[in-house]
Amino acid sequence: MRRAGGEGRPLGHGVTGGRVIHWPILATPQTRPALDRPIGLLHATAMVVGIIIGASIFVQPSEINRHVPSIPGVLSVWVVAGILTLFGSLVCAELSSAFPRTGGVYVFLKETLSPGCGFLWGWAMFWSAHSGIIAASSVIFARYVAFFVPLDDWGIRAVAVSGILVLSFVNYLGVRQGSRLQTAVTISKVIAIALLLAMVLAFGSPARQTPTGDTPPVSFREFVLAISAALFTFGGWHMVTYTAGETRDPGKTIPRALMIGALTVTACYVALNAAYLYLLPLDRVTSSSRVAADAAQAMAGPRGAAAISALVILSAIGVLNGVILAGPRTYFAMADEGLAFSWLRHVHPRFHTPDRTILIQAVWSCVLVGTGTYRDLFTRVIYTEWLFFALMGIGLFRLRRRADYVPVYRIWGYPAVPALFIGASLVVAAIQIAADPWRAATGLAIVVLGLPVYYLWVRTKHANY
């Protein structure tokens, strides 16, 4: 690494404003400890797979079946959602190789579109999208804990809050501890899913499907709403890019982890849903709030249901840990570049973690658990995230037009793949918003409120110089 004259900071490189610039990877003074770089390809891939294969795959099929009440339709929804996730991962892979530093989508939007756009992503992440994923996943975790310990609604919320606080503390202690936990949990649950599928093949008997007569054709709107619900279970594929500043050789490691992870998860999801529909009638899958446990009980009785519930709890721990690990790095990067309070730039002197951003994320996620329902949380995440994903794809086109940009990694299928990704992202967001405009207006108002905050922040910052 080159050194900045007099400052002694490590330098990376990127492209902005049509010219190559050099920027400090962490832009921190020597008096502040740097973030560690313990994350390699295995840990990064485990983060992608572990965050995506969360608890939602074990409850979300009922949300999808409500919109697409046929077995071929359900399986096609999962395939399409997997393809969209792969396309998004490819877009993210090239952008992460161009800007391999902590912050992920925030950095991509800031460098390819504008600092204001990057700020809005970080703003939406904290108040709605990212914290909403943590809250929704913790609720699923608590629902399956309730299989073993009877809980009412407030008991489920209390368990969800406890899960957030415990895993936030693990990540407070160090990224090494968080990434090791992520790797161990991810390997365990992929093995458990493989064993579950093997048991279905060996011991499962097909359910007797209830005749439904002539099923009317599914409308485009309903199909897209089903894809939106499926995309929530694929959520988080981009989060590995937030830890680029703590990843070894991020320009190569992160693109590989994204592609391996997206393909692995798609295969697991299609297989799992085929297993659910093999073991349970379609209407039973649609009405179930714990479809994985119900499927296991149909195959192996109460012991099977208990085993799969334990798997879901393990899976929920994995996704919660991964999302809690990733998010604070964006808020840290924003503070490091003057777009958030400077006290959020703090790195713990002993654990070398962005401790204060971890704490504020934990507090707000707990508030969301106490005030929102599961469906409200996941729908708000979908339309918020996918509007910004469309902007991320547009940013890649702008980056490619810069004369001095030389890609470290080139996306496969350019320009068709990012163009399809942009179009699909806008359609998913638009139909999700149209399906519930009042709630959508509330969620979008949170995002739009970030604009005056950004301009006030920039004006105040300039006035102080």
Protein backbone atom coordinates (compact mmCIF):
# COMPACT_ATOMS: atom_id res chain seq x y z
CA MET A 1 0.00 0.00 0.00
CA ARG A 2 1.12 3.54 -0.71
CA ARG A 3 1.14 6.07 2.10
CA ALA A 4 -0.35 9.53 2.10
CA GLY A 5 2.32 12.12 2.60
CA GLY A 6 2.51 13.14 6.20
CA GLU A 7 -0.69 11.40 7.26
CA GLY A 8 0.56 7.82 7.35
CA ARG A 9 -2.77 6.37 6.20
CA PRO A 10 -3.08 3.35 3.87
CA LEU A 11 -4.46 4.23 0.47
CA GLY A 12 -6.83 2.49 -1.90
CA HIS A 13 -8.06 3.73 -5.25
CA GLY A 14 -11.35 4.32 -6.99
CA VAL A 15 -12.94 6.37 -9.72
CA THR A 16 -15.08 9.40 -9.09
CA GLY A 17 -16.02 12.41 -11.12
CA GLY A 18 -14.36 10.85 -14.18
CA ARG A 19 -10.93 10.67 -12.62
CA VAL A 20 -8.94 8.20 -10.56
CA ILE A 21 -8.54 9.29 -6.98
CA HIS A 22 -6.76 7.86 -3.98
CA TRP A 23 -8.64 7.68 -0.74
CA PRO A 24 -7.76 6.49 2.75
CA ILE A 25 -9.34 3.10 3.32
CA LEU A 26 -10.39 4.12 6.79
CA ALA A 27 -9.62 7.84 6.79
CA THR A 28 -8.67 7.68 10.43
CA PRO A 29 -5.97 9.37 12.45
CA GLN A 30 -3.07 7.33 13.71
CA THR A 31 -4.29 7.79 17.27
CA ARG A 32 -7.39 5.71 16.53
CA PRO A 33 -7.10 1.90 16.25
CA ALA A 34 -7.79 0.46 12.79
CA LEU A 35 -10.38 -2.18 12.05
CA ASP A 36 -8.95 -5.71 11.76
CA ARG A 37 -8.94 -7.68 8.44
CA PRO A 38 -9.62 -11.29 9.50
CA ILE A 39 -12.28 -12.10 6.85
CA GLY A 40 -11.22 -14.45 4.03
CA LEU A 41 -13.19 -16.21 1.26
CA LEU A 42 -14.68 -18.89 3.54
CA HIS A 43 -15.85 -16.34 6.11
CA ALA A 44 -17.15 -13.97 3.41
CA THR A 45 -19.08 -16.75 1.64
CA ALA A 46 -20.43 -17.91 5.00
CA MET A 47 -21.63 -14.37 5.61
CA VAL A 48 -23.48 -14.28 2.27
CA VAL A 49 -25.07 -17.71 2.74
CA GLY A 50 -25.64 -17.26 6.47
CA ILE A 51 -27.37 -13.90 6.11
CA ILE A 52 -29.54 -15.00 3.19
CA ILE A 53 -30.54 -18.41 4.58
CA GLY A 54 -32.14 -16.89 7.58
CA ALA A 55 -35.21 -17.77 9.53
CA SER A 56 -37.64 -16.35 6.95
CA ILE A 57 -37.34 -19.34 4.59
CA PHE A 58 -39.00 -21.38 7.34
CA VAL A 59 -42.09 -19.11 7.56
CA GLN A 60 -42.25 -17.07 4.34
CA PRO A 61 -43.61 -19.77 1.97
CA SER A 62 -47.11 -19.15 3.35
CA GLU A 63 -46.85 -15.49 2.30
CA ILE A 64 -45.90 -16.56 -1.23
CA ASN A 65 -48.58 -19.23 -1.55
CA ARG A 66 -51.28 -16.68 -0.75
CA HIS A 67 -50.46 -14.94 -4.04
CA VAL A 68 -49.59 -17.97 -6.21
CA PRO A 69 -51.79 -20.94 -5.18
CA SER A 70 -50.23 -23.62 -7.39
CA ILE A 71 -47.17 -25.83 -7.05
CA PRO A 72 -45.58 -24.91 -10.44
CA GLY A 73 -46.29 -21.23 -9.75
CA VAL A 74 -44.70 -21.37 -6.29
CA LEU A 75 -41.52 -23.06 -7.53
CA SER A 76 -41.23 -20.62 -10.46
CA VAL A 77 -41.44 -17.71 -8.00
CA TRP A 78 -38.45 -19.07 -6.09
CA VAL A 79 -36.43 -19.57 -9.27
CA VAL A 80 -37.15 -16.02 -10.50
CA ALA A 81 -36.28 -14.55 -7.09
CA GLY A 82 -33.01 -16.49 -7.14
CA ILE A 83 -32.15 -15.18 -10.62
CA LEU A 84 -32.82 -11.59 -9.52
CA THR A 85 -30.61 -12.12 -6.48
CA LEU A 86 -27.83 -13.50 -8.69
CA PHE A 87 -28.12 -10.50 -11.04
CA GLY A 88 -27.95 -8.14 -8.07
CA SER A 89 -24.94 -10.00 -6.72
CA LEU A 90 -23.16 -9.61 -10.07
CA VAL A 91 -23.82 -5.85 -10.07
CA CYS A 92 -22.62 -5.63 -6.49
CA ALA A 93 -19.53 -7.72 -7.31
CA GLU A 94 -18.22 -5.26 -9.93
CA LEU A 95 -18.96 -2.25 -7.74
CA SER A 96 -17.27 -3.84 -4.74
CA SER A 97 -14.16 -4.56 -6.82
CA ALA A 98 -14.11 -0.90 -7.93
CA PHE A 99 -14.62 0.44 -4.39
CA PRO A 100 -13.28 -2.20 -1.98
CA ARG A 101 -13.77 -0.29 1.25
CA THR A 102 -16.06 -0.37 4.25
CA GLY A 103 -19.61 0.83 3.60
CA GLY A 104 -21.01 -1.34 0.80
CA VAL A 105 -24.02 0.08 -1.05
CA TYR A 106 -23.51 3.44 0.67
CA VAL A 107 -20.08 3.74 -0.94
CA PHE A 108 -21.35 2.57 -4.36
CA LEU A 109 -24.17 5.13 -4.47
CA LYS A 110 -21.98 7.90 -3.12
CA GLU A 111 -19.20 7.33 -5.66
CA THR A 112 -21.31 6.58 -8.76
CA LEU A 113 -24.30 8.91 -8.24
CA SER A 114 -23.91 11.47 -5.46
CA PRO A 115 -23.05 11.80 -1.75
CA GLY A 116 -26.70 12.68 -1.11
CA CYS A 117 -27.87 9.39 -2.59
CA GLY A 118 -25.39 7.49 -0.44
CA PHE A 119 -26.60 9.37 2.63
CA LEU A 120 -30.23 8.47 1.89
CA TRP A 121 -29.30 4.78 1.69
CA GLY A 122 -27.59 4.89 5.07
CA TRP A 123 -30.52 6.89 6.49
CA ALA A 124 -33.07 4.38 5.15
CA MET A 125 -30.94 1.46 6.33
CA PHE A 126 -30.91 2.66 9.89
CA TRP A 127 -34.49 3.85 10.29
CA SER A 128 -36.25 1.23 8.16
CA ALA A 129 -34.59 -1.35 5.89
CA HIS A 130 -31.63 -2.82 7.73
CA SER A 131 -32.95 -2.44 11.25
CA GLY A 132 -36.25 -3.84 9.95
CA ILE A 133 -34.47 -7.02 8.79
CA ILE A 134 -32.96 -7.42 12.25
CA ALA A 135 -36.34 -6.89 13.91
CA ALA A 136 -38.26 -9.24 11.58
CA SER A 137 -35.63 -11.98 11.84
CA SER A 138 -35.60 -11.74 15.62
CA VAL A 139 -39.39 -12.18 15.67
CA ILE A 140 -39.08 -15.39 13.62
CA PHE A 141 -36.37 -16.57 16.01
CA ALA A 142 -38.74 -15.98 18.93
CA ARG A 143 -41.67 -17.72 17.18
CA TYR A 144 -39.66 -20.93 16.97
CA VAL A 145 -38.39 -20.60 20.54
CA ALA A 146 -42.11 -20.57 21.39
CA PHE A 147 -42.30 -24.14 20.02
CA PHE A 148 -40.33 -25.26 23.09
CA VAL A 149 -41.46 -22.62 25.62
CA PRO A 150 -45.05 -21.34 25.30
CA LEU A 151 -45.02 -17.56 24.80
CA ASP A 152 -47.69 -14.95 24.27
CA ASP A 153 -47.20 -11.99 21.93
CA TRP A 154 -45.24 -9.92 24.44
CA GLY A 155 -43.18 -12.95 25.41
CA ILE A 156 -42.21 -13.40 21.75
CA ARG A 157 -41.20 -9.74 21.57
CA ALA A 158 -39.13 -10.05 24.75
CA VAL A 159 -37.26 -13.09 23.38
CA ALA A 160 -36.69 -11.26 20.08
CA VAL A 161 -35.20 -8.26 21.90
CA SER A 162 -32.98 -10.56 23.97
CA GLY A 163 -31.63 -12.21 20.80
CA ILE A 164 -30.74 -8.82 19.31
CA LEU A 165 -28.95 -7.69 22.46
CA VAL A 166 -26.94 -10.91 22.93
CA LEU A 167 -25.70 -11.05 19.32
CA SER A 168 -24.95 -7.33 19.28
CA PHE A 169 -22.73 -7.95 22.32
CA VAL A 170 -20.92 -10.78 20.48
CA ASN A 171 -20.14 -8.42 17.60
CA TYR A 172 -19.18 -5.67 20.04
CA LEU A 173 -16.43 -8.00 21.27
CA GLY A 174 -14.83 -8.24 17.80
CA VAL A 175 -15.35 -8.92 14.09
CA ARG A 176 -13.23 -12.06 14.46
CA GLN A 177 -15.68 -13.49 16.98
CA GLY A 178 -18.65 -12.42 14.86
CA SER A 179 -17.28 -13.88 11.61
CA ARG A 180 -16.25 -17.15 13.30
CA LEU A 181 -19.71 -17.53 14.80
CA GLN A 182 -21.18 -16.79 11.36
CA THR A 183 -19.03 -19.45 9.68
CA ALA A 184 -19.82 -22.11 12.30
CA VAL A 185 -23.56 -21.43 12.25
CA THR A 186 -23.70 -21.32 8.43
CA ILE A 187 -21.87 -24.63 7.98
CA SER A 188 -24.10 -26.23 10.62
CA LYS A 189 -27.35 -25.11 9.06
CA VAL A 190 -26.34 -26.01 5.49
CA ILE A 191 -25.48 -29.52 6.75
CA ALA A 192 -28.80 -29.64 8.63
CA ILE A 193 -30.75 -28.57 5.53
CA ALA A 194 -28.96 -31.23 3.47
CA LEU A 195 -29.86 -33.86 6.10
CA LEU A 196 -33.47 -32.69 6.12
CA LEU A 197 -33.70 -33.04 2.34
CA ALA A 198 -32.08 -36.48 2.51
CA MET A 199 -34.66 -37.54 5.12
CA VAL A 200 -37.47 -36.34 2.84
CA LEU A 201 -36.11 -38.50 0.01
CA ALA A 202 -35.61 -41.52 2.28
CA PHE A 203 -38.62 -41.42 4.59
CA GLY A 204 -41.08 -38.78 3.35
CA SER A 205 -44.39 -39.75 1.85
CA PRO A 206 -46.24 -37.43 -0.54
CA ALA A 207 -49.14 -35.45 0.86
CA ARG A 208 -52.57 -35.85 -0.65
CA GLN A 209 -53.24 -32.56 -2.38
CA THR A 210 -56.77 -31.20 -1.95
CA PRO A 211 -58.50 -30.80 -5.32
CA THR A 212 -59.06 -27.10 -6.04
CA GLY A 213 -60.89 -27.35 -9.35
CA ASP A 214 -59.83 -25.08 -12.14
CA THR A 215 -57.27 -22.71 -10.66
CA PRO A 216 -57.65 -19.26 -12.23
CA PRO A 217 -54.54 -17.85 -13.88
CA VAL A 218 -52.33 -15.80 -11.59
CA SER A 219 -52.21 -12.11 -12.46
CA PHE A 220 -48.92 -10.34 -13.08
CA ARG A 221 -49.53 -8.25 -9.97
CA GLU A 222 -49.97 -11.30 -7.75
CA PHE A 223 -46.92 -13.00 -9.26
CA VAL A 224 -44.76 -9.94 -8.54
CA LEU A 225 -46.13 -9.69 -4.99
CA ALA A 226 -45.14 -13.33 -4.50
CA ILE A 227 -41.65 -12.56 -5.84
CA SER A 228 -41.46 -9.61 -3.41
CA ALA A 229 -42.22 -11.94 -0.50
CA ALA A 230 -39.62 -14.42 -1.78
CA LEU A 231 -37.02 -11.67 -2.16
CA PHE A 232 -37.27 -10.96 1.55
CA THR A 233 -35.91 -14.45 2.19
CA PHE A 234 -33.01 -13.65 -0.17
CA GLY A 235 -32.38 -10.35 1.61
CA GLY A 236 -28.92 -9.40 2.77
CA TRP A 237 -26.88 -10.72 -0.19
CA HIS A 238 -25.19 -7.30 -0.48
CA MET A 239 -24.19 -7.03 3.17
CA VAL A 240 -20.82 -8.75 2.80
CA THR A 241 -19.67 -5.61 0.94
CA TYR A 242 -20.12 -3.55 4.12
CA THR A 243 -17.14 -5.32 5.69
CA ALA A 244 -14.73 -4.80 2.77
CA GLY A 245 -12.46 -2.76 5.05
CA GLU A 246 -12.11 -5.86 7.24
CA THR A 247 -11.72 -8.38 4.37
CA ARG A 248 -8.46 -9.70 2.95
CA ASP A 249 -8.06 -8.83 -0.78
CA PRO A 250 -11.66 -7.56 -0.98
CA GLY A 251 -11.49 -6.81 -4.75
CA LYS A 252 -11.33 -10.57 -5.44
CA THR A 253 -12.75 -12.14 -2.27
CA ILE A 254 -16.10 -10.32 -2.21
CA PRO A 255 -17.15 -10.96 -5.87
CA ARG A 256 -16.36 -14.67 -5.45
CA ALA A 257 -18.26 -14.87 -2.17
CA LEU A 258 -21.29 -13.12 -3.69
CA MET A 259 -21.59 -15.46 -6.66
CA ILE A 260 -20.91 -18.69 -4.74
CA GLY A 261 -23.34 -17.61 -2.04
CA ALA A 262 -26.20 -16.61 -4.38
CA LEU A 263 -26.06 -19.89 -6.31
CA THR A 264 -25.85 -21.99 -3.12
CA VAL A 265 -28.85 -20.28 -1.55
CA THR A 266 -31.04 -20.52 -4.67
CA ALA A 267 -30.45 -24.27 -4.86
CA CYS A 268 -31.27 -24.69 -1.15
CA TYR A 269 -34.47 -22.63 -1.38
CA VAL A 270 -35.91 -24.41 -4.41
CA ALA A 271 -35.15 -27.78 -2.80
CA LEU A 272 -36.65 -26.78 0.56
CA ASN A 273 -39.88 -25.52 -0.97
CA ALA A 274 -40.19 -28.63 -3.11
CA ALA A 275 -39.86 -30.62 0.14
CA TYR A 276 -42.57 -28.57 1.89
CA LEU A 277 -44.96 -29.09 -1.01
CA TYR A 278 -44.14 -32.79 -1.16
CA LEU A 279 -44.87 -33.35 2.53
CA LEU A 280 -47.84 -30.98 3.02
CA PRO A 281 -50.96 -30.11 1.04
CA LEU A 282 -50.75 -26.71 -0.63
CA ASP A 283 -53.49 -25.21 1.56
CA ARG A 284 -51.66 -26.39 4.70
CA VAL A 285 -48.46 -24.64 3.56
CA THR A 286 -50.47 -21.46 2.87
CA SER A 287 -52.06 -21.37 6.33
CA SER A 288 -48.99 -22.38 8.35
CA SER A 289 -47.03 -19.89 10.45
CA ARG A 290 -44.26 -22.47 11.05
CA VAL A 291 -44.23 -24.41 7.79
CA ALA A 292 -40.85 -26.08 8.36
CA ALA A 293 -41.94 -27.50 11.73
CA ASP A 294 -45.26 -28.66 10.26
CA ALA A 295 -43.47 -30.39 7.37
CA ALA A 296 -41.07 -32.14 9.75
CA GLN A 297 -43.94 -33.24 11.97
CA ALA A 298 -45.73 -34.73 8.97
CA MET A 299 -42.60 -36.71 8.17
CA ALA A 300 -41.27 -37.69 11.59
CA GLY A 301 -43.83 -36.69 14.22
CA PRO A 302 -43.21 -34.39 17.22
CA ARG A 303 -39.50 -35.24 17.34
CA GLY A 304 -39.10 -34.14 13.75
CA ALA A 305 -40.90 -30.89 14.47
CA ALA A 306 -38.65 -30.27 17.47
CA ALA A 307 -35.52 -30.96 15.41
CA ILE A 308 -36.53 -28.59 12.63
CA SER A 309 -37.51 -25.90 15.13
CA ALA A 310 -34.02 -26.15 16.60
CA LEU A 311 -32.62 -25.78 13.06
CA VAL A 312 -34.69 -22.63 12.53
CA ILE A 313 -33.44 -21.16 15.79
CA LEU A 314 -29.87 -21.89 14.67
CA SER A 315 -30.60 -20.34 11.29
CA ALA A 316 -32.11 -17.24 12.87
CA ILE A 317 -29.00 -16.82 15.02
CA GLY A 318 -26.93 -16.93 11.82
CA VAL A 319 -28.90 -14.27 9.97
CA LEU A 320 -29.16 -12.02 13.01
CA ASN A 321 -25.44 -12.27 13.66
CA GLY A 322 -24.57 -11.52 10.03
CA VAL A 323 -26.90 -8.55 9.69
CA ILE A 324 -25.85 -7.13 13.04
CA LEU A 325 -22.20 -7.50 11.98
CA ALA A 326 -22.70 -5.78 8.60
CA GLY A 327 -24.91 -2.77 9.28
CA PRO A 328 -22.77 -0.72 11.69
CA ARG A 329 -19.96 -0.58 9.10
CA THR A 330 -22.12 1.65 6.89
CA TYR A 331 -22.93 4.07 9.70
CA PHE A 332 -19.25 4.01 10.65
CA ALA A 333 -18.24 4.88 7.06
CA MET A 334 -20.78 7.71 6.94
CA ALA A 335 -19.43 9.19 10.16
CA ASP A 336 -15.87 8.75 8.91
CA GLU A 337 -16.72 10.86 5.84
CA GLY A 338 -18.58 13.57 7.74
CA LEU A 339 -22.14 12.47 6.90
CA ALA A 340 -23.06 11.38 10.43
CA PHE A 341 -22.16 12.43 13.95
CA SER A 342 -18.42 12.31 14.51
CA TRP A 343 -18.80 10.36 17.75
CA LEU A 344 -20.01 7.40 15.65
CA ARG A 345 -16.47 7.14 14.19
CA HIS A 346 -15.29 5.64 17.46
CA VAL A 347 -13.41 2.32 17.33
CA HIS A 348 -13.17 0.36 20.55
CA PRO A 349 -9.54 0.54 21.71
CA ARG A 350 -9.43 -3.09 22.77
CA PHE A 351 -11.89 -4.92 20.47
CA HIS A 352 -11.25 -2.82 17.33
CA THR A 353 -14.95 -2.69 16.45
CA PRO A 354 -17.24 0.26 15.58
CA ASP A 355 -18.76 -0.07 19.04
CA ARG A 356 -21.08 2.94 19.10
CA THR A 357 -22.76 2.17 15.78
CA ILE A 358 -23.34 -1.40 16.98
CA LEU A 359 -25.04 -0.05 20.09
CA ILE A 360 -27.37 2.43 18.37
CA GLN A 361 -28.38 -0.20 15.81
CA ALA A 362 -29.28 -2.62 18.61
CA VAL A 363 -31.38 -0.03 20.41
CA TRP A 364 -33.40 1.02 17.34
CA SER A 365 -33.97 -2.58 16.19
CA CYS A 366 -35.38 -3.38 19.62
CA VAL A 367 -37.74 -0.41 19.31
CA LEU A 368 -38.99 -1.77 15.96
CA VAL A 369 -39.63 -5.18 17.53
CA GLY A 370 -41.80 -3.54 20.16
CA THR A 371 -43.82 -1.42 17.73
CA GLY A 372 -44.21 -3.38 14.46
CA THR A 373 -45.79 -6.58 13.21
CA TYR A 374 -43.86 -9.12 11.14
CA ARG A 375 -45.68 -8.36 7.88
CA ASP A 376 -45.25 -4.58 8.31
CA LEU A 377 -41.54 -5.06 8.89
CA PHE A 378 -40.76 -7.25 5.89
CA THR A 379 -42.89 -5.32 3.35
CA ARG A 380 -41.24 -2.03 4.31
CA VAL A 381 -37.82 -3.61 3.85
CA ILE A 382 -38.64 -4.85 0.31
CA TYR A 383 -39.77 -1.66 -1.39
CA THR A 384 -37.19 0.49 0.37
CA GLU A 385 -34.24 -1.73 -0.48
CA TRP A 386 -35.20 -2.44 -4.08
CA LEU A 387 -35.65 1.21 -4.98
CA PHE A 388 -32.04 1.75 -3.92
CA PHE A 389 -30.91 -1.42 -5.70
CA ALA A 390 -32.27 0.06 -8.95
CA LEU A 391 -30.16 3.17 -8.28
CA MET A 392 -27.15 0.94 -7.62
CA GLY A 393 -27.58 -0.62 -11.08
CA ILE A 394 -27.86 2.84 -12.67
CA GLY A 395 -24.66 3.77 -10.85
CA LEU A 396 -22.85 0.87 -12.55
CA PHE A 397 -23.83 2.22 -15.99
CA ARG A 398 -22.51 5.66 -15.02
CA LEU A 399 -19.28 4.13 -13.76
CA ARG A 400 -18.75 2.21 -17.00
CA ARG A 401 -19.02 5.45 -19.02
CA ARG A 402 -16.01 6.98 -17.29
CA ALA A 403 -13.08 6.98 -19.71
CA ASP A 404 -10.44 6.08 -17.12
CA TYR A 405 -12.40 3.33 -15.37
CA VAL A 406 -10.72 -0.07 -15.74
CA PRO A 407 -12.79 -2.82 -14.06
CA VAL A 408 -10.97 -5.18 -11.73
CA TYR A 409 -13.93 -7.52 -12.16
CA ARG A 410 -16.34 -7.35 -15.13
CA ILE A 411 -19.96 -8.31 -14.63
CA TRP A 412 -21.16 -11.20 -16.78
CA GLY A 413 -23.81 -10.27 -19.35
CA TYR A 414 -23.26 -6.50 -19.38
CA PRO A 415 -25.34 -4.46 -20.26
CA ALA A 416 -28.33 -6.85 -20.35
CA VAL A 417 -27.95 -8.20 -16.80
CA PRO A 418 -27.79 -4.84 -14.97
CA ALA A 419 -30.54 -3.43 -17.23
CA LEU A 420 -32.85 -6.35 -16.38
CA PHE A 421 -31.96 -5.98 -12.72
CA ILE A 422 -32.85 -2.27 -12.73
CA GLY A 423 -36.18 -2.89 -14.47
CA ALA A 424 -37.13 -5.78 -12.19
CA SER A 425 -36.17 -3.79 -9.08
CA LEU A 426 -38.45 -0.90 -10.08
CA VAL A 427 -41.35 -3.23 -10.89
CA VAL A 428 -41.01 -5.08 -7.57
CA ALA A 429 -40.90 -1.83 -5.59
CA ALA A 430 -43.76 -0.19 -7.53
CA ILE A 431 -46.18 -3.11 -7.16
CA GLN A 432 -45.31 -3.59 -3.51
CA ILE A 433 -46.05 0.10 -2.90
CA ALA A 434 -49.29 -0.01 -4.89
CA ALA A 435 -50.49 -3.04 -2.91
CA ASP A 436 -50.54 -1.05 0.33
CA PRO A 437 -50.12 2.66 -0.48
CA TRP A 438 -50.85 3.96 3.02
CA ARG A 439 -48.18 1.90 4.75
CA ALA A 440 -45.85 2.49 1.81
CA ALA A 441 -46.34 6.25 2.14
CA THR A 442 -45.28 6.02 5.77
CA GLY A 443 -42.14 4.06 4.90
CA LEU A 444 -41.21 6.29 1.97
CA ALA A 445 -41.76 9.39 4.10
CA ILE A 446 -38.97 8.14 6.38
CA VAL A 447 -36.64 7.97 3.35
CA VAL A 448 -37.69 11.36 1.92
CA LEU A 449 -37.20 12.98 5.32
CA GLY A 450 -33.52 12.22 4.88
CA LEU A 451 -33.22 14.81 2.09
CA PRO A 452 -33.70 17.96 4.21
CA VAL A 453 -31.58 16.35 6.93
CA TYR A 454 -28.77 15.80 4.41
CA TYR A 455 -28.86 19.35 3.04
CA LEU A 456 -29.03 20.83 6.53
CA TRP A 457 -26.11 18.63 7.56
CA VAL A 458 -23.98 19.66 4.57
CA ARG A 459 -24.78 23.36 5.01
CA THR A 460 -23.92 23.21 8.73
CA LYS A 461 -20.70 21.36 7.98
CA HIS A 462 -19.59 23.92 5.39
CA ALA A 463 -20.50 26.81 7.68
CA ASN A 464 -18.10 25.45 10.29
CA TYR A 465 -15.13 25.64 7.89
